[in-house]
Amino acid sequence: MSQDSHQRAAEFHDIAAHAHRVAATHHEKEDHETGHEYSRQALEHSAKAYESAQEAHRKSEESAVDKK
């Protein structure tokens, strides 16, 4: 179960990174409205990644305690 949590967090990090790259590309092209939308999406995905990473960490700690 813990591995799934870590995988999910990693996927959210990848999605957030992609959204950041797309936002940067649009800003470079002076398409600021689209860039801002992708920046907003990147922030949402980053928040989900953080929450998922925290959950994965918590589950890993619980699993380690249970194995003792």
N, C-alpha and C. Protein backbone atom coordinates (compact mmCIF):
# COMPACT_ATOMS: atom_id res chain seq x y z
N MET A 1 0.83 -1.20 0.00
CA MET A 1 0.00 0.00 0.00
C MET A 1 0.87 1.25 0.00
N SER A 2 1.93 1.23 0.76
CA SER A 2 2.80 2.40 0.86
C SER A 2 3.42 2.75 -0.49
N GLN A 3 3.80 1.72 -1.25
CA GLN A 3 4.39 1.96 -2.56
C GLN A 3 3.41 2.70 -3.48
N ASP A 4 2.12 2.33 -3.41
CA ASP A 4 1.11 3.01 -4.20
C ASP A 4 1.01 4.49 -3.82
N SER A 5 1.10 4.78 -2.55
CA SER A 5 1.04 6.17 -2.08
C SER A 5 2.22 6.97 -2.61
N HIS A 6 3.39 6.37 -2.59
CA HIS A 6 4.58 7.06 -3.10
C HIS A 6 4.47 7.27 -4.61
N GLN A 7 3.95 6.27 -5.31
CA GLN A 7 3.79 6.38 -6.76
C GLN A 7 2.81 7.49 -7.11
N ARG A 8 1.73 7.56 -6.36
CA ARG A 8 0.72 8.61 -6.60
C ARG A 8 1.31 9.99 -6.37
N ALA A 9 2.07 10.15 -5.31
CA ALA A 9 2.72 11.43 -5.03
C ALA A 9 3.67 11.80 -6.16
N ALA A 10 4.44 10.82 -6.62
CA ALA A 10 5.39 11.07 -7.72
C ALA A 10 4.65 11.50 -8.99
N GLU A 11 3.53 10.88 -9.26
CA GLU A 11 2.74 11.25 -10.44
C GLU A 11 2.25 12.68 -10.34
N PHE A 12 1.77 13.09 -9.18
CA PHE A 12 1.34 14.48 -9.00
C PHE A 12 2.50 15.45 -9.18
N HIS A 13 3.68 15.08 -8.69
CA HIS A 13 4.86 15.92 -8.88
C HIS A 13 5.19 16.07 -10.36
N ASP A 14 5.10 14.96 -11.10
CA ASP A 14 5.36 15.01 -12.54
C ASP A 14 4.36 15.89 -13.27
N ILE A 15 3.07 15.76 -12.91
CA ILE A 15 2.03 16.58 -13.54
C ILE A 15 2.25 18.05 -13.23
N ALA A 16 2.60 18.35 -12.00
CA ALA A 16 2.85 19.75 -11.61
C ALA A 16 4.04 20.31 -12.38
N ALA A 17 5.10 19.51 -12.49
CA ALA A 17 6.29 19.97 -13.22
C ALA A 17 5.94 20.25 -14.68
N HIS A 18 5.15 19.38 -15.28
CA HIS A 18 4.75 19.60 -16.67
C HIS A 18 3.95 20.90 -16.80
N ALA A 19 3.01 21.12 -15.89
CA ALA A 19 2.20 22.34 -15.94
C ALA A 19 3.08 23.58 -15.77
N HIS A 20 4.11 23.49 -14.92
CA HIS A 20 5.04 24.62 -14.76
C HIS A 20 5.80 24.89 -16.07
N ARG A 21 6.24 23.81 -16.74
CA ARG A 21 6.96 23.99 -18.01
C ARG A 21 6.06 24.61 -19.06
N VAL A 22 4.82 24.15 -19.16
CA VAL A 22 3.87 24.69 -20.14
C VAL A 22 3.59 26.16 -19.82
N ALA A 23 3.40 26.47 -18.55
CA ALA A 23 3.16 27.87 -18.15
C ALA A 23 4.33 28.75 -18.56
N ALA A 24 5.55 28.28 -18.31
CA ALA A 24 6.73 29.06 -18.67
C ALA A 24 6.79 29.30 -20.18
N THR A 25 6.46 28.28 -20.95
CA THR A 25 6.47 28.43 -22.41
C THR A 25 5.47 29.48 -22.85
N HIS A 26 4.27 29.46 -22.27
CA HIS A 26 3.26 30.45 -22.65
C HIS A 26 3.67 31.86 -22.21
N HIS A 27 4.29 31.97 -21.05
CA HIS A 27 4.75 33.29 -20.60
C HIS A 27 5.85 33.82 -21.54
N GLU A 28 6.74 32.93 -21.97
CA GLU A 28 7.80 33.35 -22.90
C GLU A 28 7.22 33.85 -24.21
N LYS A 29 6.10 33.27 -24.62
CA LYS A 29 5.43 33.67 -25.87
C LYS A 29 4.50 34.87 -25.64
N GLU A 30 4.56 35.43 -24.45
CA GLU A 30 3.73 36.56 -24.04
C GLU A 30 2.24 36.25 -24.08
N ASP A 31 1.90 34.97 -23.92
CA ASP A 31 0.51 34.55 -23.78
C ASP A 31 0.27 34.40 -22.29
N HIS A 32 0.18 35.55 -21.63
CA HIS A 32 0.14 35.56 -20.17
C HIS A 32 -1.15 34.97 -19.60
N GLU A 33 -2.26 35.16 -20.30
CA GLU A 33 -3.53 34.62 -19.78
C GLU A 33 -3.47 33.09 -19.70
N THR A 34 -3.00 32.45 -20.76
CA THR A 34 -2.86 31.00 -20.75
C THR A 34 -1.79 30.58 -19.76
N GLY A 35 -0.70 31.34 -19.72
CA GLY A 35 0.37 31.04 -18.77
C GLY A 35 -0.10 31.08 -17.34
N HIS A 36 -0.93 32.06 -17.02
CA HIS A 36 -1.46 32.16 -15.66
C HIS A 36 -2.37 30.97 -15.33
N GLU A 37 -3.15 30.54 -16.32
CA GLU A 37 -4.03 29.39 -16.09
C GLU A 37 -3.20 28.13 -15.82
N TYR A 38 -2.15 27.92 -16.59
CA TYR A 38 -1.29 26.76 -16.34
C TYR A 38 -0.54 26.90 -15.02
N SER A 39 -0.18 28.11 -14.65
CA SER A 39 0.45 28.32 -13.35
C SER A 39 -0.50 27.96 -12.22
N ARG A 40 -1.77 28.32 -12.38
CA ARG A 40 -2.79 27.98 -11.39
C ARG A 40 -2.94 26.47 -11.29
N GLN A 41 -2.98 25.80 -12.44
CA GLN A 41 -3.09 24.35 -12.44
C GLN A 41 -1.85 23.71 -11.80
N ALA A 42 -0.69 24.26 -12.09
CA ALA A 42 0.55 23.74 -11.51
C ALA A 42 0.50 23.85 -9.99
N LEU A 43 0.00 24.97 -9.49
CA LEU A 43 -0.11 25.15 -8.05
C LEU A 43 -1.05 24.11 -7.44
N GLU A 44 -2.17 23.86 -8.09
CA GLU A 44 -3.11 22.85 -7.59
C GLU A 44 -2.45 21.47 -7.56
N HIS A 45 -1.76 21.12 -8.64
CA HIS A 45 -1.10 19.81 -8.70
C HIS A 45 0.03 19.72 -7.67
N SER A 46 0.72 20.82 -7.46
CA SER A 46 1.78 20.82 -6.45
C SER A 46 1.21 20.58 -5.06
N ALA A 47 0.07 21.20 -4.79
CA ALA A 47 -0.58 21.00 -3.49
C ALA A 47 -1.01 19.54 -3.32
N LYS A 48 -1.56 18.94 -4.39
CA LYS A 48 -1.95 17.53 -4.33
C LYS A 48 -0.72 16.65 -4.13
N ALA A 49 0.37 17.00 -4.81
CA ALA A 49 1.60 16.22 -4.67
C ALA A 49 2.10 16.28 -3.23
N TYR A 50 2.07 17.47 -2.65
CA TYR A 50 2.50 17.63 -1.26
C TYR A 50 1.64 16.80 -0.31
N GLU A 51 0.32 16.88 -0.50
CA GLU A 51 -0.59 16.12 0.35
C GLU A 51 -0.36 14.61 0.19
N SER A 52 -0.17 14.17 -1.04
CA SER A 52 0.06 12.75 -1.29
C SER A 52 1.40 12.30 -0.70
N ALA A 53 2.41 13.15 -0.80
CA ALA A 53 3.71 12.81 -0.23
C ALA A 53 3.62 12.70 1.30
N GLN A 54 2.87 13.62 1.91
CA GLN A 54 2.68 13.56 3.35
C GLN A 54 1.96 12.28 3.76
N GLU A 55 0.93 11.92 2.99
CA GLU A 55 0.19 10.69 3.27
C GLU A 55 1.09 9.46 3.11
N ALA A 56 1.89 9.45 2.05
CA ALA A 56 2.80 8.33 1.82
C ALA A 56 3.81 8.21 2.96
N HIS A 57 4.31 9.34 3.42
CA HIS A 57 5.26 9.35 4.52
C HIS A 57 4.61 8.81 5.80
N ARG A 58 3.39 9.26 6.05
CA ARG A 58 2.66 8.80 7.23
C ARG A 58 2.44 7.29 7.17
N LYS A 59 2.04 6.80 6.01
CA LYS A 59 1.80 5.36 5.86
C LYS A 59 3.09 4.57 6.01
N SER A 60 4.19 5.12 5.50
CA SER A 60 5.48 4.44 5.65
C SER A 60 5.89 4.33 7.11
N GLU A 61 5.69 5.42 7.84
CA GLU A 61 6.01 5.41 9.27
C GLU A 61 5.14 4.40 10.02
N GLU A 62 3.84 4.38 9.69
CA GLU A 62 2.94 3.43 10.35
C GLU A 62 3.34 2.00 10.03
N SER A 63 3.72 1.76 8.80
CA SER A 63 4.13 0.42 8.38
C SER A 63 5.40 0.00 9.12
N ALA A 64 6.33 0.92 9.29
CA ALA A 64 7.58 0.62 9.99
C ALA A 64 7.31 0.29 11.46
N VAL A 65 6.39 1.02 12.08
CA VAL A 65 6.04 0.78 13.48
C VAL A 65 5.35 -0.57 13.62
N ASP A 66 4.47 -0.89 12.67
CA ASP A 66 3.75 -2.15 12.72
C ASP A 66 4.68 -3.36 12.57
N LYS A 67 5.79 -3.18 11.86
CA LYS A 67 6.73 -4.27 11.64
C LYS A 67 7.62 -4.52 12.84
N LYS A 68 7.66 -3.59 13.79
CA LYS A 68 8.53 -3.75 14.96
C LYS A 68 7.96 -4.70 15.95
